[in-house]
N, C-alpha and C. Protein backbone atom coordinates (compact mmCIF):
# COMPACT_ATOMS: atom_id res chain seq x y z
N MET A 1 -14.24 -16.79 -2.15
CA MET A 1 -13.51 -16.37 -1.21
C MET A 1 -13.28 -15.53 -0.28
N LYS A 2 -13.69 -14.95 1.25
CA LYS A 2 -14.17 -14.57 2.16
C LYS A 2 -13.77 -13.15 1.94
N LYS A 3 -14.47 -12.41 1.63
CA LYS A 3 -14.07 -10.77 1.17
C LYS A 3 -14.03 -9.78 2.13
N THR A 4 -12.38 -10.27 1.98
CA THR A 4 -12.19 -8.45 2.81
C THR A 4 -12.28 -7.18 3.45
N ASN A 5 -11.93 -6.26 4.88
CA ASN A 5 -12.35 -4.99 4.91
C ASN A 5 -12.67 -4.21 3.52
N ALA A 6 -11.74 -4.52 2.59
CA ALA A 6 -10.76 -3.77 1.39
C ALA A 6 -11.03 -3.93 -0.02
N VAL A 7 -11.88 -5.22 0.09
CA VAL A 7 -12.83 -5.21 -1.19
C VAL A 7 -14.14 -4.70 -0.71
N ARG A 8 -14.78 -5.35 0.35
CA ARG A 8 -16.63 -4.91 0.24
C ARG A 8 -15.93 -3.19 0.14
N ILE A 9 -14.99 -2.42 0.51
CA ILE A 9 -14.65 -0.83 0.18
C ILE A 9 -15.01 -0.85 -1.00
N LEU A 10 -14.33 -1.78 -2.13
CA LEU A 10 -14.18 -0.93 -3.20
C LEU A 10 -15.76 -1.26 -3.74
N ASP A 11 -16.10 -2.57 -3.42
CA ASP A 11 -17.71 -2.65 -4.66
C ASP A 11 -18.75 -2.03 -3.92
N SER A 12 -18.79 -1.16 -2.31
CA SER A 12 -19.45 -0.02 -2.53
C SER A 12 -19.27 0.82 -2.75
N LYS A 13 -18.11 1.31 -3.62
CA LYS A 13 -17.74 2.54 -3.85
C LYS A 13 -17.86 2.54 -5.64
N LYS A 14 -18.58 1.45 -5.79
CA LYS A 14 -18.31 0.79 -7.47
C LYS A 14 -17.58 1.00 -8.43
N ILE A 15 -15.91 1.09 -7.10
CA ILE A 15 -14.74 1.17 -7.95
C ILE A 15 -14.33 -0.07 -8.54
N LYS A 16 -14.09 0.06 -9.86
CA LYS A 16 -13.35 -1.49 -10.84
C LYS A 16 -12.26 -1.83 -10.63
N TYR A 17 -11.91 -3.51 -10.14
CA TYR A 17 -11.17 -3.80 -9.40
C TYR A 17 -10.69 -4.99 -10.31
N ASP A 18 -9.62 -6.06 -10.32
CA ASP A 18 -9.51 -7.35 -9.96
C ASP A 18 -8.94 -7.83 -9.19
N LEU A 19 -9.13 -9.43 -8.15
CA LEU A 19 -8.77 -9.73 -7.02
C LEU A 19 -7.49 -10.87 -8.22
N VAL A 20 -6.62 -10.69 -7.44
CA VAL A 20 -5.71 -12.19 -7.79
C VAL A 20 -4.97 -12.45 -6.50
N GLU A 21 -5.41 -14.04 -6.32
CA GLU A 21 -5.15 -15.48 -5.17
C GLU A 21 -3.51 -15.25 -5.17
N TYR A 22 -3.11 -15.65 -4.65
CA TYR A 22 -1.94 -15.85 -4.08
C TYR A 22 -0.87 -16.53 -3.50
N SER A 23 -0.27 -18.46 -4.19
CA SER A 23 0.14 -18.81 -2.93
C SER A 23 1.18 -18.66 -1.37
N THR A 24 0.75 -19.06 -0.77
CA THR A 24 1.19 -17.91 0.33
C THR A 24 2.62 -19.21 0.71
N ASP A 25 3.27 -20.05 0.04
CA ASP A 25 3.81 -21.35 0.54
C ASP A 25 5.34 -20.47 0.31
N GLY A 26 7.11 -20.08 0.61
CA GLY A 26 7.20 -20.50 -0.52
C GLY A 26 7.75 -18.67 0.05
N GLY A 27 7.07 -17.78 1.12
CA GLY A 27 7.53 -16.47 1.50
C GLY A 27 6.47 -15.45 0.61
N ILE A 28 6.35 -14.34 1.75
CA ILE A 28 4.90 -13.69 0.87
C ILE A 28 5.99 -11.97 1.20
N SER A 29 7.46 -11.66 0.32
CA SER A 29 7.72 -10.16 0.06
C SER A 29 6.68 -9.90 -0.77
N GLY A 30 7.28 -8.84 -0.98
CA GLY A 30 6.63 -8.36 -2.25
C GLY A 30 7.39 -8.50 -3.48
N ILE A 31 8.31 -9.00 -3.45
CA ILE A 31 9.32 -9.86 -4.56
C ILE A 31 8.16 -11.38 -4.94
N ASP A 32 8.16 -11.61 -3.91
CA ASP A 32 7.48 -12.87 -3.90
C ASP A 32 6.51 -12.71 -4.60
N VAL A 33 5.29 -12.03 -4.23
CA VAL A 33 4.32 -12.08 -4.84
C VAL A 33 3.87 -11.17 -6.29
N ALA A 34 5.06 -10.50 -6.63
CA ALA A 34 5.00 -10.43 -7.80
C ALA A 34 5.40 -11.88 -8.61
N ARG A 35 6.41 -11.78 -7.99
CA ARG A 35 6.73 -13.73 -9.23
C ARG A 35 5.52 -14.74 -8.95
N LYS A 36 5.08 -14.63 -8.20
CA LYS A 36 3.46 -15.30 -7.92
C LYS A 36 2.33 -15.12 -8.24
N THR A 37 2.17 -13.98 -9.18
CA THR A 37 1.24 -13.21 -9.60
C THR A 37 1.22 -13.33 -11.08
N GLY A 38 2.56 -13.17 -11.18
CA GLY A 38 3.53 -13.73 -12.61
C GLY A 38 3.50 -11.89 -12.84
N GLU A 39 3.70 -11.12 -12.89
CA GLU A 39 3.62 -9.25 -12.64
C GLU A 39 5.08 -8.94 -12.75
N ASP A 40 5.04 -7.91 -13.53
CA ASP A 40 6.38 -7.38 -13.08
C ASP A 40 6.27 -6.52 -11.23
N PRO A 41 7.69 -6.16 -11.51
CA PRO A 41 7.40 -5.49 -9.37
C PRO A 41 7.07 -4.53 -9.72
N LEU A 42 7.85 -3.97 -10.22
CA LEU A 42 7.27 -1.78 -10.57
C LEU A 42 5.46 -1.85 -10.16
N ARG A 43 4.87 -2.50 -10.85
CA ARG A 43 3.86 -3.03 -10.98
C ARG A 43 2.96 -2.92 -9.27
N VAL A 44 3.67 -3.89 -8.10
CA VAL A 44 2.89 -4.58 -7.40
C VAL A 44 3.25 -3.68 -6.41
N TYR A 45 2.46 -2.67 -5.57
CA TYR A 45 3.36 -2.01 -4.31
C TYR A 45 2.78 -2.26 -2.98
N LYS A 46 3.68 -1.95 -2.60
CA LYS A 46 3.87 -2.40 -1.02
C LYS A 46 3.23 -1.19 0.14
N THR A 47 2.82 -1.71 1.18
CA THR A 47 1.98 -0.49 1.92
C THR A 47 2.89 -0.03 2.44
N LEU A 48 3.59 1.12 3.43
CA LEU A 48 4.35 0.63 4.70
C LEU A 48 3.94 2.09 5.62
N VAL A 49 3.58 2.13 6.68
CA VAL A 49 3.34 2.75 8.11
C VAL A 49 4.21 3.82 8.76
N THR A 50 4.32 4.65 9.26
CA THR A 50 5.07 6.06 9.07
C THR A 50 4.63 6.52 10.26
N GLU A 51 5.85 6.77 10.99
CA GLU A 51 4.70 7.72 12.03
C GLU A 51 6.16 9.43 12.24
N SER A 52 5.70 9.97 11.92
CA SER A 52 6.53 10.67 12.41
C SER A 52 6.85 11.21 14.58
N LYS A 53 8.19 12.93 13.74
CA LYS A 53 9.18 12.69 15.39
C LYS A 53 7.67 13.42 15.53
N GLU A 54 6.85 14.02 15.61
CA GLU A 54 5.68 15.08 16.26
C GLU A 54 5.07 13.74 16.57
N LYS A 55 4.76 12.39 16.04
CA LYS A 55 3.58 11.46 16.16
C LYS A 55 2.51 11.21 16.15
N ASN A 56 2.66 12.01 14.63
CA ASN A 56 1.68 11.92 13.78
C ASN A 56 2.14 10.10 12.52
N TYR A 57 0.93 9.97 12.17
CA TYR A 57 1.14 8.57 11.46
C TYR A 57 0.64 9.15 9.64
N TYR A 58 1.42 8.75 8.89
CA TYR A 58 1.04 8.36 7.87
C TYR A 58 1.41 6.85 6.30
N VAL A 59 0.45 6.93 5.39
CA VAL A 59 0.82 5.93 4.53
C VAL A 59 1.49 6.65 3.56
N PHE A 60 2.41 5.63 3.02
CA PHE A 60 2.96 4.99 1.84
C PHE A 60 3.01 3.73 0.82
N VAL A 61 2.24 3.89 -0.17
CA VAL A 61 2.35 3.42 -0.62
C VAL A 61 3.97 3.22 -2.16
N ILE A 62 4.19 2.11 -2.09
CA ILE A 62 5.94 2.78 -3.33
C ILE A 62 5.94 0.69 -3.83
N PRO A 63 6.70 0.91 -4.92
CA PRO A 63 6.84 -0.78 -6.15
C PRO A 63 7.67 -0.95 -5.24
N VAL A 64 7.34 -3.17 -5.07
CA VAL A 64 8.04 -3.75 -4.00
C VAL A 64 9.29 -3.83 -4.40
N GLU A 65 10.24 -3.25 -4.61
CA GLU A 65 11.62 -3.54 -5.02
C GLU A 65 12.16 -2.77 -5.15
N LYS A 66 11.62 -1.11 -4.78
CA LYS A 66 11.79 -0.41 -4.30
C LYS A 66 11.64 0.38 -2.21
N GLU A 67 12.52 1.35 -1.69
CA GLU A 67 12.92 1.48 -0.65
C GLU A 67 12.41 2.56 -0.41
N LEU A 68 11.61 2.77 0.86
CA LEU A 68 11.32 4.43 1.00
C LEU A 68 11.91 4.92 1.19
N ASP A 69 12.27 5.91 0.35
CA ASP A 69 13.35 6.84 0.93
C ASP A 69 12.72 8.33 2.82
N LEU A 70 13.28 7.61 3.57
CA LEU A 70 12.23 8.86 4.46
C LEU A 70 12.97 9.81 4.11
N LYS A 71 14.32 11.19 4.01
CA LYS A 71 13.94 11.69 4.17
C LYS A 71 13.46 12.79 3.14
N LYS A 72 13.15 11.81 1.89
CA LYS A 72 11.86 12.85 0.99
C LYS A 72 10.42 12.73 0.99
N ALA A 73 9.99 11.12 2.03
CA ALA A 73 8.56 11.34 3.02
C ALA A 73 8.10 12.47 3.35
N ALA A 74 10.08 12.69 4.85
CA ALA A 74 9.96 13.74 5.29
C ALA A 74 9.22 14.88 5.03
N ARG A 75 9.85 15.06 3.54
CA ARG A 75 9.66 16.78 3.15
C ARG A 75 7.86 16.74 3.64
N VAL A 76 7.89 15.46 2.75
CA VAL A 76 6.50 16.08 2.00
C VAL A 76 5.15 16.00 2.76
N VAL A 77 5.85 15.04 3.76
CA VAL A 77 4.77 15.67 5.30
C VAL A 77 4.77 16.75 5.58
N GLY A 78 6.11 17.52 5.78
CA GLY A 78 5.96 18.94 6.26
C GLY A 78 6.42 18.52 7.88
N SER A 79 7.04 17.16 8.36
CA SER A 79 8.36 16.60 8.89
C SER A 79 9.57 17.16 9.68
N LYS A 80 10.39 16.71 10.42
CA LYS A 80 11.20 16.57 9.99
C LYS A 80 11.97 15.46 10.23
N LYS A 81 11.15 13.88 10.63
CA LYS A 81 11.90 12.98 10.24
C LYS A 81 10.75 12.13 10.74
N ILE A 82 10.12 10.99 9.92
CA ILE A 82 9.44 9.87 10.28
C ILE A 82 10.26 8.62 10.23
N ASP A 83 10.21 8.23 10.75
CA ASP A 83 9.87 6.38 10.68
C ASP A 83 9.36 5.17 10.76
N MET A 84 9.34 4.30 10.44
CA MET A 84 8.22 3.07 10.13
C MET A 84 8.10 2.69 11.43
N ILE A 85 6.70 2.31 11.52
CA ILE A 85 6.44 2.01 12.78
C ILE A 85 6.49 0.38 13.21
N ALA A 86 6.79 -0.16 14.08
CA ALA A 86 7.25 -1.15 14.97
C ALA A 86 5.90 -2.77 14.36
N GLN A 87 6.80 -3.43 13.91
CA GLN A 87 5.31 -4.72 13.17
C GLN A 87 4.67 -4.64 14.19
N ARG A 88 4.96 -4.87 14.86
CA ARG A 88 3.86 -4.65 16.81
C ARG A 88 2.70 -4.08 16.47
N ASP A 89 2.85 -2.60 15.94
CA ASP A 89 2.28 -0.90 15.64
C ASP A 89 0.98 -1.69 14.95
N LEU A 90 1.63 -2.48 13.72
CA LEU A 90 0.70 -2.12 13.03
C LEU A 90 -1.12 -2.84 12.33
N LEU A 91 -1.25 -3.82 13.63
CA LEU A 91 -2.10 -4.11 13.51
C LEU A 91 -3.32 -3.67 13.96
N PRO A 92 -2.97 -3.30 15.83
CA PRO A 92 -3.89 -2.09 16.44
C PRO A 92 -4.26 -1.20 15.35
N LEU A 93 -3.00 -0.39 15.36
CA LEU A 93 -3.39 0.75 14.56
C LEU A 93 -3.94 0.74 13.59
N THR A 94 -3.74 -0.18 12.55
CA THR A 94 -4.39 -0.27 11.04
C THR A 94 -5.58 -1.33 10.12
N GLY A 95 -5.24 -2.58 11.72
CA GLY A 95 -6.71 -3.31 11.97
C GLY A 95 -5.67 -4.42 10.97
N TYR A 96 -4.46 -4.19 10.04
CA TYR A 96 -4.21 -5.50 8.41
C TYR A 96 -2.47 -5.52 9.13
N ILE A 97 -2.32 -7.26 9.40
CA ILE A 97 -1.23 -7.39 9.40
C ILE A 97 -0.16 -7.03 8.10
N HIS A 98 1.64 -7.51 8.70
CA HIS A 98 2.32 -7.47 7.93
C HIS A 98 2.43 -8.55 6.37
N GLY A 99 2.37 -8.31 5.74
CA GLY A 99 2.10 -8.70 4.49
C GLY A 99 0.43 -9.46 4.15
N GLY A 100 -0.27 -7.88 4.57
CA GLY A 100 -1.79 -7.67 4.17
C GLY A 100 -1.95 -6.84 4.55
N CYS A 101 -1.12 -5.85 4.72
CA CYS A 101 -1.43 -4.00 4.87
C CYS A 101 -2.25 -3.54 3.57
N SER A 102 -3.39 -3.91 3.77
CA SER A 102 -3.50 -2.44 2.58
C SER A 102 -4.00 -1.28 2.45
N PRO A 103 -3.89 -0.30 1.68
CA PRO A 103 -4.49 1.33 1.76
C PRO A 103 -5.16 1.45 2.08
N ILE A 104 -5.92 0.88 1.86
CA ILE A 104 -7.90 0.36 1.67
C ILE A 104 -8.61 -0.07 2.95
N GLY A 105 -8.89 0.60 3.41
CA GLY A 105 -9.63 -0.10 4.66
C GLY A 105 -8.84 0.22 5.57
N MET A 106 -7.92 1.12 6.58
CA MET A 106 -7.83 1.10 7.29
C MET A 106 -8.09 1.19 8.65
N LYS A 107 -8.19 1.86 10.46
CA LYS A 107 -9.30 1.26 11.44
C LYS A 107 -8.60 3.25 10.99
N LYS A 108 -8.72 4.49 10.22
CA LYS A 108 -8.64 5.49 10.18
C LYS A 108 -8.13 5.84 8.89
N LEU A 109 -8.36 6.67 8.06
CA LEU A 109 -7.63 7.48 6.66
C LEU A 109 -6.71 7.73 7.60
N PHE A 110 -5.65 8.05 7.00
CA PHE A 110 -4.22 8.30 7.13
C PHE A 110 -4.14 9.45 6.21
N PRO A 111 -2.24 10.14 6.60
CA PRO A 111 -2.59 11.12 5.39
C PRO A 111 -1.61 10.03 4.60
N THR A 112 -2.12 9.54 3.23
CA THR A 112 -1.78 8.93 2.35
C THR A 112 -0.64 8.81 1.11
N PHE A 113 0.62 8.20 0.86
CA PHE A 113 1.13 8.75 -0.91
C PHE A 113 1.50 8.29 -1.61
N ILE A 114 1.03 7.62 -2.32
CA ILE A 114 1.73 6.84 -3.30
C ILE A 114 3.06 7.62 -4.17
N ASP A 115 3.35 6.84 -4.50
CA ASP A 115 4.45 6.67 -5.21
C ASP A 115 4.37 7.17 -6.50
N GLU A 116 4.92 9.09 -6.98
CA GLU A 116 4.85 9.19 -8.65
C GLU A 116 4.85 7.85 -9.54
N SER A 117 5.60 6.86 -9.33
CA SER A 117 6.24 6.03 -10.38
C SER A 117 4.20 5.40 -11.03
N ALA A 118 3.01 5.59 -10.06
CA ALA A 118 2.35 4.80 -10.33
C ALA A 118 2.18 5.68 -11.37
N LYS A 119 1.69 6.06 -12.06
CA LYS A 119 0.79 8.29 -12.23
C LYS A 119 0.57 7.35 -13.82
N ASP A 120 1.44 6.48 -14.66
CA ASP A 120 1.85 6.51 -15.63
C ASP A 120 1.16 4.63 -16.00
N LEU A 121 0.54 4.28 -15.38
CA LEU A 121 -0.22 2.79 -14.78
C LEU A 121 -1.20 2.37 -15.44
N SER A 122 -1.53 1.83 -16.38
CA SER A 122 -3.46 1.68 -16.64
C SER A 122 -3.37 0.80 -15.13
N TYR A 123 -2.63 -0.08 -14.03
CA TYR A 123 -2.86 -0.51 -13.30
C TYR A 123 -1.97 -1.24 -12.66
N ILE A 124 -2.26 -1.14 -11.01
CA ILE A 124 -1.02 -1.59 -9.81
C ILE A 124 -1.38 -2.16 -9.31
N PHE A 125 -0.71 -3.48 -7.79
CA PHE A 125 -1.30 -4.40 -8.03
C PHE A 125 -1.26 -3.52 -6.22
N VAL A 126 -1.74 -3.78 -5.26
CA VAL A 126 -2.33 -3.58 -3.73
C VAL A 126 -2.64 -4.55 -2.83
N SER A 127 -2.45 -4.78 -2.02
CA SER A 127 -2.21 -5.90 -1.06
C SER A 127 -4.33 -5.59 -1.35
N GLY A 128 -4.74 -6.89 -1.06
CA GLY A 128 -6.33 -6.43 -1.03
C GLY A 128 -6.98 -6.69 1.01
N GLY A 129 -6.06 -6.98 1.83
CA GLY A 129 -6.16 -6.71 2.97
C GLY A 129 -5.85 -8.55 4.12
N LYS A 130 -5.56 -8.72 2.64
CA LYS A 130 -5.07 -10.99 3.20
C LYS A 130 -3.83 -11.32 2.89
N VAL A 131 -2.77 -11.68 3.53
CA VAL A 131 -2.38 -12.29 2.82
C VAL A 131 -2.19 -13.10 2.08
N GLY A 132 -1.85 -13.00 0.66
CA GLY A 132 -2.58 -14.38 -0.27
C GLY A 132 -3.59 -13.19 -1.39
N ILE A 133 -4.33 -12.27 -1.03
CA ILE A 133 -4.98 -11.19 -2.18
C ILE A 133 -4.47 -10.13 -1.96
N GLN A 134 -4.66 -9.83 -3.59
CA GLN A 134 -4.09 -8.93 -3.75
C GLN A 134 -5.15 -7.64 -5.19
N VAL A 135 -5.21 -6.92 -4.85
CA VAL A 135 -6.24 -6.27 -5.40
C VAL A 135 -5.68 -4.92 -7.50
N LYS A 136 -6.13 -5.41 -8.43
CA LYS A 136 -5.82 -4.76 -9.63
C LYS A 136 -6.34 -3.55 -9.44
N ILE A 137 -6.00 -2.35 -9.98
CA ILE A 137 -6.74 -1.08 -9.95
C ILE A 137 -6.02 -0.52 -10.40
N ASN A 138 -7.28 0.61 -10.93
CA ASN A 138 -6.19 1.27 -11.91
C ASN A 138 -5.52 3.40 -10.72
N PRO A 139 -4.32 3.09 -10.52
CA PRO A 139 -3.48 3.98 -9.30
C PRO A 139 -4.85 4.72 -8.82
N LEU A 140 -4.90 5.50 -9.93
CA LEU A 140 -5.68 6.98 -10.58
C LEU A 140 -6.85 6.83 -9.56
N SER A 141 -7.42 5.65 -10.06
CA SER A 141 -9.32 4.87 -9.13
C SER A 141 -8.15 5.59 -7.71
N LEU A 142 -7.30 4.48 -6.62
CA LEU A 142 -7.19 3.71 -5.96
C LEU A 142 -6.97 5.58 -4.81
N ALA A 143 -6.15 6.81 -5.39
CA ALA A 143 -5.41 7.74 -4.64
C ALA A 143 -7.22 8.76 -5.15
N ASP A 144 -7.23 8.19 -5.53
CA ASP A 144 -9.61 9.29 -4.80
C ASP A 144 -9.99 8.63 -3.78
N LEU A 145 -10.48 7.30 -3.65
CA LEU A 145 -10.45 6.87 -2.33
C LEU A 145 -10.18 6.75 -1.49
N ILE A 146 -8.44 7.03 -1.29
CA ILE A 146 -8.25 7.14 -0.33
C ILE A 146 -7.63 8.20 0.21
N GLU A 147 -7.28 9.52 -0.94
CA GLU A 147 -7.46 10.73 -1.22
C GLU A 147 -5.90 10.82 -0.47
N ALA A 148 -5.04 9.75 -1.50
CA ALA A 148 -3.94 10.31 -1.94
C ALA A 148 -3.48 10.71 -2.84
N LYS A 149 -1.64 11.58 -2.59
CA LYS A 149 -1.24 12.35 -3.30
C LYS A 149 0.09 11.51 -4.12
N LEU A 150 0.51 11.83 -5.46
CA LEU A 150 1.63 11.08 -5.62
C LEU A 150 2.17 11.98 -5.83
N SER A 151 3.54 10.99 -5.29
CA SER A 151 4.75 11.96 -5.13
C SER A 151 5.81 11.18 -4.68
N ASP A 152 7.07 12.06 -4.85
CA ASP A 152 8.00 11.11 -5.26
C ASP A 152 8.40 11.19 -3.94
N LEU A 153 8.70 8.94 -3.88
CA LEU A 153 9.10 8.46 -2.35
C LEU A 153 10.38 7.74 -2.24
N THR A 154 10.98 7.16 -3.11
CA THR A 154 11.52 6.35 -3.50
C THR A 154 12.77 6.66 -4.25
N ASN A 155 14.35 6.13 -3.60
CA ASN A 155 15.45 6.15 -4.28
C ASN A 155 15.35 6.07 -5.92
N LYS A 156 15.94 6.39 -6.68
CA LYS A 156 15.93 6.59 -8.05
C LYS A 156 16.71 4.88 -9.10
């Protein structure tokens, strides 16, 4: 398997992780990824990139079967309003494509927030930086690596 930028960073920092490959046939939604990897959807997290009214970018990492509460997210970052960035802007901004966006190894280290549901889990899955690859990692190790804060980000 060709190493992605996310995997190279994990290796260089000597952070423990496992790579899990999955078939991209038949859909690549987060729920599809959970099903294909045989994991609980509450352990499979998606990476969402947003832009504030003030034109600042923020990254949110939440369980795939939940939705980002934009009001909570705006409150967490201290903005009046945030919105998801346009899908066409994802690659130029982060270096990753839709469905393969990892919170690890973006072009820039944006302020990042992981849903607090991860704090009691021994591991979660996040994109490995390419469609078809997931990284199984301790959420606190991930938070330390990407300087993320754990926050309440979703509707219950």
